[in-house]
């Protein structure tokens, strides 16, 4: 079975980087890194984002895909020296190095697709809290929380990165959009509303980190529930809390 692949690149000779791609993806739709994602492009199984020439443009493209085409898996291809630069805020399902062989490339792309589809179909469990990305809903102790879309996105982001503190500016970018110029105190308003819906017993799930912003406190640690099995989110670390480097 062939894959429907969307390639975002500014490089003319991309084929030299992944020469085996056409062996199992005979039709690769190619668009610039800065291109928008229309309905046709958003139907791709996987998008490969070429980050070798411009890391920041590639990062923006990955984030845009995650927002505009949430069912499409996103894989970034980076130069070996730039591998450590790919962080959680890229919103990718995997990272590739150039010249990956046919077997490795196909396996990575299929695993990325499986990971993305499982996440969309699954449930994110955080103690007594259940979040359902496919329907943008959440429940606590079996009771629907009645979350707005913005509240869901805020809570979902914090839970997926539980144990890590984020500034209001970073949360504004993640939930309202990277280019959002809104007032960062809007985050405080939505946190208060979230805590009210979580109730006195569970409002501490969204913790205030003085001098930084907010975090989903651990324990518990988040788990994806997929057809009776569980696995940790791809980017979640079980280590001690980490402070986000983005300035206020």
Protein backbone atom coordinates (compact mmCIF):
# COMPACT_ATOMS: atom_id res chain seq x y z
CA UNK A 1 0.00 0.00 0.00
CA UNK A 2 1.48 3.34 -1.06
CA UNK A 3 1.49 6.44 1.11
CA UNK A 4 -0.01 9.83 0.28
CA UNK A 5 2.91 12.15 1.06
CA UNK A 6 2.98 15.94 1.22
CA UNK A 7 6.45 17.47 0.97
CA UNK A 8 7.18 20.98 2.21
CA UNK A 9 10.55 22.22 1.00
CA UNK A 10 12.35 25.12 -0.60
CA UNK A 11 15.09 22.91 -2.07
CA UNK A 12 15.00 22.02 -5.77
CA UNK A 13 16.97 18.77 -5.50
CA UNK A 14 15.15 17.27 -2.51
CA UNK A 15 15.16 13.84 -4.15
CA UNK A 16 18.89 13.52 -3.38
CA UNK A 17 18.13 13.71 0.35
CA UNK A 18 15.58 10.86 0.39
CA UNK A 19 16.19 8.99 -2.87
CA UNK A 20 14.15 5.94 -1.78
CA UNK A 21 10.93 7.86 -1.05
CA UNK A 22 9.43 7.29 -4.50
CA UNK A 23 9.83 3.52 -4.14
CA UNK A 24 6.74 3.41 -1.90
CA UNK A 25 5.26 6.88 -2.44
CA UNK A 26 5.03 7.25 -6.23
CA UNK A 27 3.07 10.51 -5.97
CA UNK A 28 4.55 13.16 -3.71
CA UNK A 29 2.78 16.52 -3.63
CA UNK A 30 5.30 19.28 -3.22
CA UNK A 31 4.62 22.77 -1.83
CA UNK A 32 6.77 25.57 -0.36
CA UNK A 33 7.41 25.72 3.38
CA UNK A 34 5.26 28.82 3.62
CA UNK A 35 2.25 27.32 1.81
CA UNK A 36 -1.10 27.08 3.53
CA UNK A 37 -2.86 23.75 4.01
CA UNK A 38 -6.05 23.47 1.99
CA UNK A 39 -8.51 20.58 2.20
CA UNK A 40 -6.76 18.58 -0.52
CA UNK A 41 -3.30 18.90 1.01
CA UNK A 42 -4.71 18.24 4.45
CA UNK A 43 -5.85 14.79 3.32
CA UNK A 44 -2.25 13.51 3.10
CA UNK A 45 -1.23 10.57 5.26
CA UNK A 46 2.04 12.24 6.22
CA UNK A 47 3.83 15.53 5.63
CA UNK A 48 7.61 15.66 5.40
CA UNK A 49 8.95 19.09 6.33
CA UNK A 50 12.45 19.83 5.03
CA UNK A 51 14.18 21.79 7.79
CA UNK A 52 17.73 21.71 6.42
CA UNK A 53 17.75 25.19 4.91
CA UNK A 54 15.61 27.18 7.36
CA UNK A 55 14.87 25.82 10.83
CA UNK A 56 12.50 28.60 11.84
CA UNK A 57 10.42 28.38 8.65
CA UNK A 58 10.27 24.59 9.04
CA UNK A 59 9.20 24.89 12.67
CA UNK A 60 6.42 27.29 11.67
CA UNK A 61 5.33 24.89 8.91
CA UNK A 62 5.17 21.96 11.34
CA UNK A 63 3.09 23.98 13.78
CA UNK A 64 0.78 25.18 11.02
CA UNK A 65 0.21 21.61 9.83
CA UNK A 66 -0.55 20.42 13.35
CA UNK A 67 -3.17 23.15 13.66
CA UNK A 68 -4.70 23.12 10.16
CA UNK A 69 -4.41 19.40 9.32
CA UNK A 70 -4.50 17.57 12.68
CA UNK A 71 -5.06 14.15 11.11
CA UNK A 72 -1.90 14.38 8.99
CA UNK A 73 1.28 13.00 10.58
CA UNK A 74 4.20 15.44 10.53
CA UNK A 75 7.84 14.37 10.15
CA UNK A 76 10.69 16.87 10.12
CA UNK A 77 13.89 16.18 8.21
CA UNK A 78 16.89 17.98 9.67
CA UNK A 79 20.62 18.10 9.14
CA UNK A 80 22.51 15.98 11.70
CA UNK A 81 23.88 19.07 13.47
CA UNK A 82 20.35 20.45 13.91
CA UNK A 83 18.80 17.31 15.34
CA UNK A 84 18.84 18.64 18.95
CA UNK A 85 17.00 21.80 17.83
CA UNK A 86 13.72 19.93 17.31
CA UNK A 87 11.75 20.35 20.52
CA UNK A 88 8.22 19.77 21.74
CA UNK A 89 7.02 23.05 20.26
CA UNK A 90 7.58 21.76 16.72
CA UNK A 91 4.52 19.49 17.10
CA UNK A 92 6.01 16.66 15.03
CA UNK A 93 5.48 12.90 15.20
CA UNK A 94 9.07 11.99 14.28
CA UNK A 95 12.39 13.38 13.07
CA UNK A 96 14.42 12.12 10.10
CA UNK A 97 17.99 12.55 8.97
CA UNK A 98 18.80 12.80 5.24
CA UNK A 99 19.70 9.68 3.28
CA UNK A 100 17.54 7.34 5.38
CA UNK A 101 17.30 3.94 3.68
CA UNK A 102 14.05 2.66 2.19
CA UNK A 103 13.24 0.31 5.06
CA UNK A 104 13.96 2.86 7.77
CA UNK A 105 12.13 5.64 5.95
CA UNK A 106 9.02 3.59 5.31
CA UNK A 107 8.94 2.29 8.89
CA UNK A 108 9.35 5.79 10.36
CA UNK A 109 6.62 7.27 8.19
CA UNK A 110 4.18 4.48 8.95
CA UNK A 111 4.89 4.67 12.68
CA UNK A 112 4.37 8.44 12.58
CA UNK A 113 1.02 7.94 10.84
CA UNK A 114 0.01 5.28 13.37
CA UNK A 115 1.05 7.51 16.25
CA UNK A 116 -0.94 10.47 14.94
CA UNK A 117 -4.08 8.43 14.22
CA UNK A 118 -3.90 6.71 17.59
CA UNK A 119 -3.59 10.04 19.35
CA UNK A 120 -6.59 11.42 17.45
CA UNK A 121 -8.68 8.34 18.24
CA UNK A 122 -7.43 7.84 21.77
CA UNK A 123 -7.99 9.37 25.16
CA UNK A 124 -5.45 11.28 27.21
CA UNK A 125 -5.69 10.16 30.85
CA UNK A 126 -4.37 12.35 33.65
CA UNK A 127 -5.44 10.88 36.95
CA UNK A 128 -9.23 11.20 37.08
CA UNK A 129 -9.21 13.54 34.07
CA UNK A 130 -9.92 12.22 30.57
CA UNK A 131 -9.32 14.37 27.49
CA UNK A 132 -10.62 13.39 24.05
CA UNK A 133 -8.72 15.23 21.25
CA UNK A 134 -11.00 13.89 18.53
CA UNK A 135 -14.03 15.70 20.00
CA UNK A 136 -12.24 18.42 22.00
CA UNK A 137 -14.04 17.31 25.16
CA UNK A 138 -12.98 16.39 28.67
CA UNK A 139 -14.48 14.63 31.66
CA UNK A 140 -13.60 14.35 35.32
CA UNK A 141 -14.76 11.39 37.37
CA UNK A 142 -17.07 10.55 34.47
CA UNK A 143 -18.71 13.99 34.38
CA UNK A 144 -18.36 16.14 31.26
CA UNK A 145 -16.53 19.39 32.02
CA UNK A 146 -18.23 21.45 29.32
CA UNK A 147 -14.92 22.85 28.07
CA UNK A 148 -14.81 25.51 25.40
CA UNK A 149 -12.40 24.89 22.51
CA UNK A 150 -9.88 27.33 23.98
CA UNK A 151 -10.14 25.78 27.44
CA UNK A 152 -9.64 22.33 25.94
CA UNK A 153 -6.57 23.41 23.97
CA UNK A 154 -5.04 25.04 27.04
CA UNK A 155 -5.67 22.09 29.34
CA UNK A 156 -4.65 19.55 26.70
CA UNK A 157 -1.34 21.32 26.07
CA UNK A 158 -0.49 21.55 29.77
CA UNK A 159 -1.41 17.90 30.40
CA UNK A 160 0.55 16.59 27.42
CA UNK A 161 3.60 18.39 28.83
CA UNK A 162 2.86 17.74 32.49
CA UNK A 163 5.71 18.61 34.83
CA UNK A 164 6.94 21.45 32.63
CA UNK A 165 6.27 25.10 33.41
CA UNK A 166 5.27 27.48 30.61
CA UNK A 167 5.15 31.25 30.50
CA UNK A 168 1.93 33.07 29.67
CA UNK A 169 3.50 34.22 26.41
CA UNK A 170 4.28 30.65 25.40
CA UNK A 171 0.78 29.47 26.30
CA UNK A 172 -0.69 32.37 24.34
CA UNK A 173 1.29 31.24 21.30
CA UNK A 174 0.33 27.58 21.73
CA UNK A 175 -3.40 28.07 22.32
CA UNK A 176 -4.30 31.26 20.49
CA UNK A 177 -1.71 30.96 17.72
CA UNK A 178 1.99 31.61 17.37
CA UNK A 179 1.48 35.05 15.82
CA UNK A 180 -1.14 36.05 18.36
CA UNK A 181 -0.60 39.53 19.77
CA UNK A 182 -3.33 39.34 22.39
CA UNK A 183 -2.89 40.30 26.01
CA UNK A 184 -1.13 37.52 27.89
CA UNK A 185 -3.33 38.10 30.94
CA UNK A 186 -6.07 36.43 28.89
CA UNK A 187 -4.33 33.21 29.92
CA UNK A 188 -5.05 34.01 33.58
CA UNK A 189 -8.75 34.42 32.82
CA UNK A 190 -8.95 31.03 31.12
CA UNK A 191 -6.95 29.34 33.87
CA UNK A 192 -9.45 30.66 36.43
CA UNK A 193 -12.32 29.31 34.35
CA UNK A 194 -10.58 25.96 33.99
CA UNK A 195 -9.98 25.70 37.72
CA UNK A 196 -13.63 26.54 38.40
CA UNK A 197 -14.72 23.68 36.12
CA UNK A 198 -12.19 21.27 37.67
CA UNK A 199 -13.53 22.12 41.11
CA UNK A 200 -11.82 22.53 44.49
CA UNK A 201 -10.61 18.93 44.62
CA UNK A 202 -8.87 19.00 41.25
CA UNK A 203 -8.11 22.66 40.53
CA UNK A 204 -4.47 22.06 41.53
CA UNK A 205 -4.04 20.12 38.27
CA UNK A 206 -3.30 23.53 36.76
CA UNK A 207 -0.61 24.85 39.07
CA UNK A 208 0.84 28.36 39.27
CA UNK A 209 4.64 28.56 39.03
CA UNK A 210 5.72 31.84 40.58
CA UNK A 211 7.83 34.00 38.32
CA UNK A 212 7.08 31.77 35.32
CA UNK A 213 3.46 30.91 34.55
CA UNK A 214 1.54 27.65 34.72
CA UNK A 215 2.03 23.90 34.57
CA UNK A 216 0.10 20.68 34.97
CA UNK A 217 1.52 19.39 38.21
CA UNK A 218 2.86 15.85 38.47
CA UNK A 219 2.11 13.25 39.64
CA UNK A 220 0.01 11.90 38.04
CA UNK A 221 1.72 11.42 34.69
CA UNK A 222 -0.32 11.56 31.47
CA UNK A 223 -1.03 8.40 29.48
CA UNK A 224 -2.67 7.78 26.12
CA UNK A 225 -5.41 5.16 26.39
CA UNK A 226 -5.61 3.32 23.07
CA UNK A 227 -8.07 0.49 22.76
CA UNK A 228 -7.36 -0.81 26.23
CA UNK A 229 -3.59 -0.18 26.22
CA UNK A 230 -1.65 2.82 27.42
CA UNK A 231 1.53 4.62 26.41
CA UNK A 232 3.25 7.82 27.44
CA UNK A 233 2.90 10.84 25.12
CA UNK A 234 5.84 11.13 22.72
CA UNK A 235 7.30 14.35 24.13
CA UNK A 236 6.46 13.92 27.81
CA UNK A 237 9.31 13.54 30.25
CA UNK A 238 8.87 11.92 33.64
CA UNK A 239 11.75 13.92 35.07
CA UNK A 240 11.52 16.85 37.45
CA UNK A 241 9.67 20.01 36.29
CA UNK A 242 11.40 22.01 33.57
CA UNK A 243 10.96 25.74 33.09
CA UNK A 244 10.09 26.85 29.56
CA UNK A 245 12.80 29.14 28.15
CA UNK A 246 10.44 31.55 26.37
CA UNK A 247 10.50 35.00 28.00
CA UNK A 248 7.46 36.63 29.56
